[in-house]
N, C-alpha and C. Protein backbone atom coordinates (compact mmCIF):
# COMPACT_ATOMS: atom_id res chain seq x y z
N MET A 1 12.86 -2.21 -8.23
CA MET A 1 12.87 -3.06 -8.85
C MET A 1 11.62 -4.25 -8.70
N ASN A 2 10.98 -4.52 -9.67
CA ASN A 2 9.85 -5.35 -9.80
C ASN A 2 10.14 -6.71 -9.82
N THR A 3 9.61 -7.51 -8.81
CA THR A 3 9.75 -8.73 -8.45
C THR A 3 8.68 -9.82 -8.97
N HIS A 4 7.57 -8.74 -9.35
CA HIS A 4 6.39 -10.20 -9.94
C HIS A 4 6.60 -10.49 -11.04
N GLY A 5 7.59 -9.97 -12.02
CA GLY A 5 7.48 -10.25 -13.41
C GLY A 5 7.03 -8.70 -13.93
N GLU A 6 6.84 -9.31 -15.33
CA GLU A 6 6.33 -8.38 -16.78
C GLU A 6 5.60 -9.14 -17.28
N ILE A 7 4.66 -8.37 -17.91
CA ILE A 7 3.87 -9.09 -18.68
C ILE A 7 3.06 -8.15 -19.61
N ALA A 8 2.47 -8.37 -20.68
CA ALA A 8 2.32 -7.31 -22.08
C ALA A 8 0.98 -6.71 -21.65
N LEU A 9 0.83 -5.71 -21.87
CA LEU A 9 0.16 -4.86 -21.57
C LEU A 9 -1.66 -5.59 -22.22
N THR A 10 -1.72 -6.18 -22.95
CA THR A 10 -3.00 -7.00 -23.74
C THR A 10 -3.49 -8.29 -22.34
N GLU A 11 -2.52 -8.68 -21.76
CA GLU A 11 -2.41 -9.66 -20.62
C GLU A 11 -3.13 -8.63 -19.06
N TYR A 12 -2.06 -7.86 -19.12
CA TYR A 12 -2.52 -6.94 -17.93
C TYR A 12 -3.69 -5.93 -17.81
N ARG A 13 -4.47 -5.98 -19.06
CA ARG A 13 -5.63 -5.32 -19.44
C ARG A 13 -6.69 -6.68 -19.50
N SER A 14 -6.31 -7.74 -19.70
CA SER A 14 -7.65 -8.41 -19.40
C SER A 14 -7.64 -9.39 -18.00
N ARG A 15 -6.83 -8.78 -17.16
CA ARG A 15 -6.94 -9.03 -15.78
C ARG A 15 -7.95 -8.02 -14.66
N VAL A 16 -8.64 -7.09 -15.76
CA VAL A 16 -9.36 -6.47 -14.86
C VAL A 16 -10.43 -7.10 -13.97
N GLY A 17 -10.60 -6.82 -12.56
CA GLY A 17 -11.57 -7.72 -12.04
C GLY A 17 -10.91 -8.79 -11.15
N GLN A 18 -9.44 -8.91 -11.22
CA GLN A 18 -8.72 -10.09 -10.90
C GLN A 18 -7.56 -9.55 -10.05
N VAL A 19 -7.54 -10.39 -8.61
CA VAL A 19 -6.23 -9.62 -8.06
C VAL A 19 -4.98 -9.86 -8.67
N LEU A 20 -4.19 -9.23 -8.95
CA LEU A 20 -2.75 -8.76 -9.45
C LEU A 20 -1.64 -9.75 -8.57
N GLY A 21 -1.94 -9.35 -7.77
CA GLY A 21 -0.81 -9.65 -6.56
C GLY A 21 -0.91 -9.61 -5.07
N SER A 22 -0.19 -10.43 -4.16
CA SER A 22 -0.13 -10.04 -2.95
C SER A 22 1.30 -9.86 -2.24
N SER A 23 1.63 -8.93 -1.88
CA SER A 23 3.07 -8.72 -1.17
C SER A 23 3.44 -9.80 0.01
N GLY A 24 4.74 -10.00 0.14
CA GLY A 24 5.31 -10.21 1.59
C GLY A 24 4.99 -9.65 2.54
N TRP A 25 4.95 -10.48 3.80
CA TRP A 25 4.79 -9.73 4.96
C TRP A 25 5.94 -8.70 5.42
N LEU A 26 5.30 -7.39 5.75
CA LEU A 26 6.38 -6.17 6.06
C LEU A 26 6.24 -6.18 7.39
N ASP A 27 7.20 -6.35 8.30
CA ASP A 27 7.29 -6.08 9.63
C ASP A 27 7.48 -4.14 10.01
N VAL A 28 6.43 -3.87 10.71
CA VAL A 28 6.45 -2.14 10.96
C VAL A 28 7.09 -2.52 12.29
N SER A 29 8.32 -1.86 12.36
CA SER A 29 8.79 -1.79 13.69
C SER A 29 8.79 -0.74 13.98
N GLN A 30 8.84 -0.41 16.06
CA GLN A 30 8.77 1.17 16.28
C GLN A 30 9.99 1.88 15.62
N ARG A 31 10.88 1.20 15.49
CA ARG A 31 12.19 2.26 14.64
C ARG A 31 11.47 2.71 13.33
N MET A 32 10.84 2.29 12.64
CA MET A 32 10.28 2.61 11.55
C MET A 32 9.33 3.54 11.39
N ILE A 33 8.40 3.55 12.57
CA ILE A 33 7.54 4.34 13.21
C ILE A 33 7.76 5.31 13.84
N ASP A 34 9.11 5.64 14.58
CA ASP A 34 9.91 6.89 15.27
C ASP A 34 10.49 7.68 13.47
N GLN A 35 10.92 6.64 12.74
CA GLN A 35 11.73 7.02 11.78
C GLN A 35 10.49 8.38 10.53
N PHE A 36 9.44 7.86 10.65
CA PHE A 36 7.88 8.12 10.06
C PHE A 36 7.67 9.61 10.62
N ALA A 37 7.72 9.62 12.07
CA ALA A 37 7.61 10.56 13.02
C ALA A 37 8.38 11.56 12.81
N ASP A 38 9.61 11.36 12.60
CA ASP A 38 10.66 12.59 12.45
C ASP A 38 10.91 13.07 11.14
N VAL A 39 10.43 12.18 10.21
CA VAL A 39 10.27 12.91 8.81
C VAL A 39 8.64 13.96 8.68
N THR A 40 8.23 13.23 9.03
CA THR A 40 6.79 13.66 8.95
C THR A 40 6.29 15.46 9.85
N GLY A 41 7.43 14.84 10.97
CA GLY A 41 6.64 16.04 12.22
C GLY A 41 5.33 15.71 13.33
N ASP A 42 5.10 14.32 12.76
CA ASP A 42 3.60 13.89 13.97
C ASP A 42 4.36 13.21 14.64
N ARG A 43 4.66 13.36 16.05
CA ARG A 43 4.95 12.59 17.01
C ARG A 43 4.34 12.49 17.86
N GLN A 44 2.75 12.52 17.47
CA GLN A 44 1.87 12.34 18.64
C GLN A 44 2.23 10.88 19.70
N PHE A 45 2.13 11.23 20.90
CA PHE A 45 2.46 9.88 21.82
C PHE A 45 2.12 8.87 21.09
N ILE A 46 0.78 8.58 20.72
CA ILE A 46 0.34 7.09 20.43
C ILE A 46 1.33 6.15 19.41
N HIS A 47 1.74 7.02 18.53
CA HIS A 47 2.88 6.65 17.92
C HIS A 47 4.39 6.56 18.35
N VAL A 48 4.33 7.28 19.24
CA VAL A 48 6.12 7.07 19.97
C VAL A 48 6.67 7.25 21.39
N ASP A 49 5.28 7.28 22.10
CA ASP A 49 5.78 7.12 23.73
C ASP A 49 4.73 5.52 24.35
N PRO A 50 5.66 4.91 24.22
CA PRO A 50 4.98 3.14 24.33
C PRO A 50 4.24 3.49 26.09
N VAL A 51 5.02 4.15 26.93
CA VAL A 51 3.95 4.52 28.15
C VAL A 51 3.13 5.01 28.38
N ALA A 52 3.01 5.91 27.69
CA ALA A 52 1.58 6.81 27.47
C ALA A 52 0.64 5.98 26.46
N ALA A 53 1.16 5.63 25.59
CA ALA A 53 -0.07 4.65 24.33
C ALA A 53 -0.35 3.44 25.04
N ALA A 54 0.42 3.02 26.10
CA ALA A 54 -0.03 1.80 26.89
C ALA A 54 -1.62 2.18 27.70
N ARG A 55 -1.81 3.18 28.33
CA ARG A 55 -3.03 3.67 28.69
C ARG A 55 -4.09 4.09 27.64
N THR A 56 -3.74 3.91 26.21
CA THR A 56 -5.01 4.27 25.91
C THR A 56 -6.16 2.82 24.96
N PRO A 57 -6.52 2.75 24.40
CA PRO A 57 -7.80 1.67 24.30
C PRO A 57 -6.70 0.92 23.20
N PHE A 58 -5.70 1.45 22.81
CA PHE A 58 -4.72 0.58 21.52
C PHE A 58 -3.95 -0.04 22.80
N GLY A 59 -3.53 0.22 23.76
CA GLY A 59 -2.29 -0.43 24.71
C GLY A 59 -0.68 -0.66 24.05
N GLU A 60 -0.85 0.08 23.24
CA GLU A 60 0.42 -0.02 22.89
C GLU A 60 0.62 1.08 21.85
N THR A 61 2.13 1.37 21.44
CA THR A 61 2.33 2.11 19.97
C THR A 61 1.10 1.74 18.91
N ILE A 62 0.98 2.56 18.01
CA ILE A 62 0.53 1.94 16.59
C ILE A 62 1.03 3.08 16.04
N ALA A 63 1.37 2.56 14.35
CA ALA A 63 1.91 3.26 13.38
C ALA A 63 0.94 4.52 12.63
N HIS A 64 1.59 5.32 12.18
CA HIS A 64 0.76 6.39 11.40
C HIS A 64 -0.40 5.35 10.44
N GLY A 65 -1.11 6.27 10.44
CA GLY A 65 -1.95 5.68 8.91
C GLY A 65 -1.17 5.83 7.58
N PHE A 66 -0.82 7.42 7.91
CA PHE A 66 -0.05 7.93 6.54
C PHE A 66 1.00 6.76 6.42
N LEU A 67 1.73 5.98 7.28
CA LEU A 67 2.66 5.63 6.66
C LEU A 67 2.03 3.81 6.59
N THR A 68 1.45 3.54 7.12
CA THR A 68 0.60 2.57 6.27
C THR A 68 0.47 2.62 4.91
N LEU A 69 -0.42 3.87 4.94
CA LEU A 69 -0.34 3.89 3.10
C LEU A 69 0.75 4.61 2.36
N SER A 70 1.62 4.79 3.32
CA SER A 70 3.01 4.86 2.14
C SER A 70 3.82 3.82 2.12
N LEU A 71 3.39 2.57 2.50
CA LEU A 71 3.98 1.27 2.17
C LEU A 71 3.51 0.28 1.21
N LEU A 72 2.46 1.23 0.52
CA LEU A 72 1.59 0.56 -0.54
C LEU A 72 2.75 0.32 -1.65
N SER A 73 3.36 1.58 -2.40
CA SER A 73 4.62 1.20 -3.11
C SER A 73 5.57 0.40 -2.71
N ARG A 74 6.35 -0.01 -1.72
CA ARG A 74 6.63 -0.85 -1.58
C ARG A 74 6.50 -2.24 -1.54
N MET A 75 4.84 -2.34 -1.19
CA MET A 75 4.11 -3.52 -1.13
C MET A 75 4.01 -3.89 -2.94
N SER A 76 3.65 -2.69 -3.65
CA SER A 76 3.41 -3.43 -4.90
C SER A 76 4.24 -3.68 -5.33
N ILE A 77 5.65 -3.29 -5.25
CA ILE A 77 6.84 -3.75 -6.49
C ILE A 77 6.95 -5.12 -6.45
N SER A 78 6.13 -5.85 -5.16
CA SER A 78 6.81 -7.61 -5.61
C SER A 78 5.19 -8.36 -5.59
N ALA A 79 4.03 -7.22 -5.60
CA ALA A 79 2.88 -7.79 -5.84
C ALA A 79 2.11 -7.79 -7.03
N VAL A 80 2.49 -6.29 -7.91
CA VAL A 80 2.02 -5.87 -9.30
C VAL A 80 3.10 -5.90 -10.44
N PRO A 81 2.55 -7.43 -11.06
CA PRO A 81 3.51 -7.13 -12.26
C PRO A 81 3.96 -5.80 -13.29
N ARG A 82 5.44 -5.82 -13.60
CA ARG A 82 5.47 -4.35 -14.57
C ARG A 82 5.11 -4.86 -15.88
N ILE A 83 3.87 -3.59 -16.65
CA ILE A 83 3.67 -3.85 -18.13
C ILE A 83 5.12 -3.72 -19.07
N ALA A 84 5.32 -4.59 -19.67
CA ALA A 84 6.68 -4.91 -20.74
C ALA A 84 6.16 -3.91 -21.68
N GLY A 85 7.51 -3.34 -21.85
CA GLY A 85 7.42 -1.75 -22.54
C GLY A 85 7.37 -0.20 -22.27
N ALA A 86 6.86 -0.73 -20.61
CA ALA A 86 6.44 0.71 -19.87
C ALA A 86 8.02 1.48 -19.82
N ARG A 87 7.72 3.04 -20.30
CA ARG A 87 9.19 3.77 -19.64
C ARG A 87 9.12 4.32 -18.26
N MET A 88 7.93 4.21 -17.75
CA MET A 88 7.84 4.10 -16.11
C MET A 88 6.54 4.50 -15.66
N SER A 89 5.86 4.44 -14.53
CA SER A 89 4.68 4.46 -14.15
C SER A 89 4.66 5.43 -13.08
N ILE A 90 3.83 6.24 -12.89
CA ILE A 90 3.69 7.27 -12.14
C ILE A 90 2.26 6.89 -11.11
N ASN A 91 2.57 7.74 -9.81
CA ASN A 91 1.49 7.30 -8.72
C ASN A 91 0.77 8.75 -9.14
N TYR A 92 -0.65 8.55 -9.43
CA TYR A 92 -1.77 9.57 -9.96
C TYR A 92 -2.32 10.06 -8.57
N GLY A 93 -2.62 9.15 -7.70
CA GLY A 93 -3.49 9.56 -6.44
C GLY A 93 -4.47 8.37 -6.21
N MET A 94 -5.31 9.16 -4.95
CA MET A 94 -6.46 7.78 -4.17
C MET A 94 -7.50 8.67 -4.76
N ASN A 95 -8.63 7.67 -5.08
CA ASN A 95 -9.96 7.83 -5.45
C ASN A 95 -10.16 7.96 -3.61
N SER A 96 -10.32 7.27 -2.82
CA SER A 96 -10.40 6.98 -1.35
C SER A 96 -9.41 5.88 -0.87
N VAL A 97 -9.40 6.45 0.46
CA VAL A 97 -8.64 5.80 1.24
C VAL A 97 -9.54 5.61 2.62
N ARG A 98 -9.75 4.37 3.15
CA ARG A 98 -10.19 4.11 4.25
C ARG A 98 -9.14 3.46 5.70
N PHE A 99 -8.55 3.97 6.65
CA PHE A 99 -7.66 3.21 7.98
C PHE A 99 -9.08 2.66 8.53
N ILE A 100 -9.43 1.63 8.67
CA ILE A 100 -10.01 0.74 9.49
C ILE A 100 -9.42 0.27 10.71
N THR A 101 -7.96 -0.23 10.77
CA THR A 101 -7.45 -0.93 12.28
C THR A 101 -6.76 -0.38 12.25
N PRO A 102 -5.73 -0.16 13.34
CA PRO A 102 -4.51 0.51 13.81
C PRO A 102 -3.33 -0.90 13.48
N VAL A 103 -2.27 -0.57 12.80
CA VAL A 103 -1.38 -1.25 12.96
C VAL A 103 -0.41 -1.32 14.25
N LYS A 104 -0.71 -1.87 15.17
CA LYS A 104 0.68 -2.08 16.01
C LYS A 104 2.07 -2.33 15.91
N SER A 105 2.85 -1.48 16.42
CA SER A 105 4.17 -1.55 16.39
C SER A 105 4.56 -2.93 16.49
N GLY A 106 5.29 -3.24 15.71
CA GLY A 106 5.62 -5.11 15.94
C GLY A 106 4.91 -5.76 14.52
N ALA A 107 4.07 -5.37 14.48
CA ALA A 107 3.13 -6.45 13.75
C ALA A 107 3.37 -6.60 12.25
N ARG A 108 3.16 -7.34 11.63
CA ARG A 108 3.28 -7.60 10.39
C ARG A 108 2.02 -7.15 9.56
N VAL A 109 2.44 -6.75 7.98
CA VAL A 109 1.56 -6.23 6.71
C VAL A 109 1.78 -6.51 5.70
N ARG A 110 0.72 -6.89 5.03
CA ARG A 110 0.78 -7.10 3.45
C ARG A 110 -0.48 -6.79 2.73
N GLY A 111 0.11 -6.36 1.24
CA GLY A 111 -0.97 -5.71 0.46
C GLY A 111 -1.25 -6.58 -0.88
N GLU A 112 -2.74 -6.66 -0.66
CA GLU A 112 -3.37 -7.12 -1.75
C GLU A 112 -3.81 -5.81 -3.10
N PHE A 113 -3.92 -6.40 -4.04
CA PHE A 113 -3.63 -5.37 -5.60
C PHE A 113 -4.44 -6.28 -6.39
N ARG A 114 -5.86 -5.76 -6.72
CA ARG A 114 -6.64 -5.93 -7.18
C ARG A 114 -7.03 -4.80 -8.62
N LEU A 115 -7.05 -4.97 -10.19
CA LEU A 115 -7.04 -4.35 -10.83
C LEU A 115 -8.40 -4.44 -11.35
N LYS A 116 -8.66 -2.70 -11.28
CA LYS A 116 -10.32 -2.82 -11.20
C LYS A 116 -10.62 -1.80 -12.76
N GLY A 117 -9.84 -1.51 -13.03
CA GLY A 117 -9.52 -0.92 -14.35
C GLY A 117 -8.71 -0.28 -14.81
N CYS A 118 -8.42 -0.44 -16.46
CA CYS A 118 -7.16 -0.22 -17.26
C CYS A 118 -7.79 0.78 -18.42
N ALA A 119 -7.43 1.85 -18.44
CA ALA A 119 -8.08 2.66 -19.65
C ALA A 119 -7.13 3.59 -20.29
N GLU A 120 -7.17 3.85 -21.96
CA GLU A 120 -6.31 4.66 -22.09
C GLU A 120 -6.47 5.85 -21.97
N ARG A 121 -5.43 7.03 -21.46
CA ARG A 121 -6.19 8.37 -21.16
C ARG A 121 -5.90 9.30 -22.41
N GLN A 122 -4.65 8.78 -22.77
CA GLN A 122 -4.21 9.54 -24.35
C GLN A 122 -3.11 8.18 -25.17
N PRO A 123 -2.82 8.87 -26.37
CA PRO A 123 -2.17 7.64 -26.77
C PRO A 123 -0.73 7.08 -25.81
N GLY A 124 -0.55 6.30 -25.65
CA GLY A 124 0.90 5.52 -25.11
C GLY A 124 0.67 5.77 -23.12
N GLN A 125 -0.66 6.34 -22.63
CA GLN A 125 -0.55 6.60 -21.31
C GLN A 125 -2.05 5.78 -20.89
N TRP A 126 -1.35 4.64 -19.95
CA TRP A 126 -2.91 3.71 -19.35
C TRP A 126 -2.84 4.13 -18.10
N GLN A 127 -4.05 4.49 -17.48
CA GLN A 127 -4.36 4.45 -16.30
C GLN A 127 -5.17 3.58 -15.72
N SER A 128 -4.29 2.95 -14.47
CA SER A 128 -4.83 1.74 -13.87
C SER A 128 -5.56 2.28 -12.52
N VAL A 129 -6.87 1.53 -11.73
CA VAL A 129 -7.18 1.85 -10.77
C VAL A 129 -6.90 0.16 -10.07
N LEU A 130 -6.24 0.61 -9.06
CA LEU A 130 -6.24 -0.75 -8.11
C LEU A 130 -6.95 -0.79 -6.73
N ALA A 131 -7.67 -1.71 -6.65
CA ALA A 131 -8.27 -1.76 -5.62
C ALA A 131 -7.12 -2.38 -4.10
N VAL A 132 -6.85 -1.59 -3.35
CA VAL A 132 -6.20 -2.33 -1.88
C VAL A 132 -6.76 -2.35 -1.06
N SER A 133 -6.12 -3.49 -0.52
CA SER A 133 -6.53 -4.48 0.85
C SER A 133 -4.66 -4.51 1.72
N VAL A 134 -4.63 -3.52 2.73
CA VAL A 134 -3.77 -4.01 3.75
C VAL A 134 -3.97 -4.66 4.89
N ALA A 135 -3.32 -6.29 4.87
CA ALA A 135 -3.92 -6.73 5.77
C ALA A 135 -2.71 -6.67 6.74
N ILE A 136 -3.45 -7.37 8.37
CA ILE A 136 -2.35 -7.47 9.49
C ILE A 136 -2.68 -8.72 10.06
N GLU A 137 -1.38 -9.26 9.98
CA GLU A 137 -1.36 -11.05 10.54
C GLU A 137 -1.99 -11.12 11.43
N ASN A 138 -2.60 -11.82 11.51
CA ASN A 138 -3.69 -12.71 12.53
C ASN A 138 -4.76 -11.63 13.04
N ALA A 139 -4.91 -10.62 12.24
CA ALA A 139 -5.93 -9.89 12.33
C ALA A 139 -7.11 -9.95 11.81
N GLU A 140 -8.58 -9.44 12.26
CA GLU A 140 -9.84 -10.02 10.99
C GLU A 140 -10.16 -8.71 10.02
N LYS A 141 -9.57 -7.91 10.50
CA LYS A 141 -10.35 -6.60 9.55
C LYS A 141 -9.02 -5.98 9.06
N PRO A 142 -8.64 -5.31 7.82
CA PRO A 142 -7.28 -4.95 7.33
C PRO A 142 -7.17 -3.63 7.88
N ALA A 143 -6.03 -3.13 7.64
CA ALA A 143 -5.58 -2.15 8.17
C ALA A 143 -6.19 -0.85 7.48
N LEU A 144 -6.13 -1.01 6.23
CA LEU A 144 -6.63 0.31 5.19
C LEU A 144 -7.08 -0.67 3.99
N VAL A 145 -8.00 0.05 3.56
CA VAL A 145 -8.55 -0.26 2.10
C VAL A 145 -8.51 1.02 1.32
N ALA A 146 -8.38 1.13 -0.05
CA ALA A 146 -7.87 2.30 -1.00
C ALA A 146 -8.14 1.99 -2.25
N GLU A 147 -8.30 3.06 -3.01
CA GLU A 147 -8.51 2.73 -4.71
C GLU A 147 -7.56 3.71 -5.21
N TRP A 148 -6.43 3.20 -5.51
CA TRP A 148 -5.20 3.78 -5.95
C TRP A 148 -5.05 3.91 -7.45
N LEU A 149 -4.61 5.11 -8.03
CA LEU A 149 -4.51 5.33 -9.33
C LEU A 149 -3.39 5.51 -9.66
N ASN A 150 -2.60 4.80 -10.60
CA ASN A 150 -1.60 5.23 -11.41
C ASN A 150 -1.45 4.81 -13.32
N VAL A 151 -0.59 5.98 -13.27
CA VAL A 151 -0.65 6.14 -14.91
C VAL A 151 0.73 5.43 -15.49
N THR A 152 0.60 4.64 -16.70
CA THR A 152 2.01 3.73 -16.86
C THR A 152 1.87 4.39 -18.50
N VAL A 153 3.19 4.93 -18.85
CA VAL A 153 3.73 5.40 -19.99
C VAL A 153 4.82 4.81 -20.79
N MET A 154 3.78 4.38 -22.02
CA MET A 154 4.34 3.29 -22.76
C MET A 154 5.65 4.03 -24.09
C-alpha cells in the first residue's frame, strides 16, 4: 500500500526534475542481512561472520549491496505517489547502479526518489525514470545511487 498518496498523471508528469519524496529511515539489522544471505546463498564472511568481519577495513559486518538495492521497492512505497487510475506498476529494471558506501549492520537507510522522466511507451503505458539515492544515517556519502525504470499501466 502506498502511503505517500495519489496524484493525477498530469501532476506526476509535471514533477519531472523534482524530488517525488523520501522514505522514512529503515533499520538494516544483522537478522535482515542473515536472512538475505540465506535466500541468496551469498554467505561471504563480511556479511555473516562478525568476528572475521571485524578484522577487515569495515570493522564489522556489512549488508549485501543487492540487499540495499532490493530495499528500493519498500522505500518507494512510502516516498513515491501512486498515479491515480493506475492498474499496476511494474519494475522494468535499472539503467545504472553504483554501490558507493557499505551499509554496516545496525545502520539506518532511507531512499530519495527524483523523477528524471516520464514518457508514454504505448497507449496506456507510461515509463518513469527515477534517480534514486539511498542515504545512510550520519554518513557523508550515499550507500548507492541508481537510475530505476518503472512502467505504469493505466
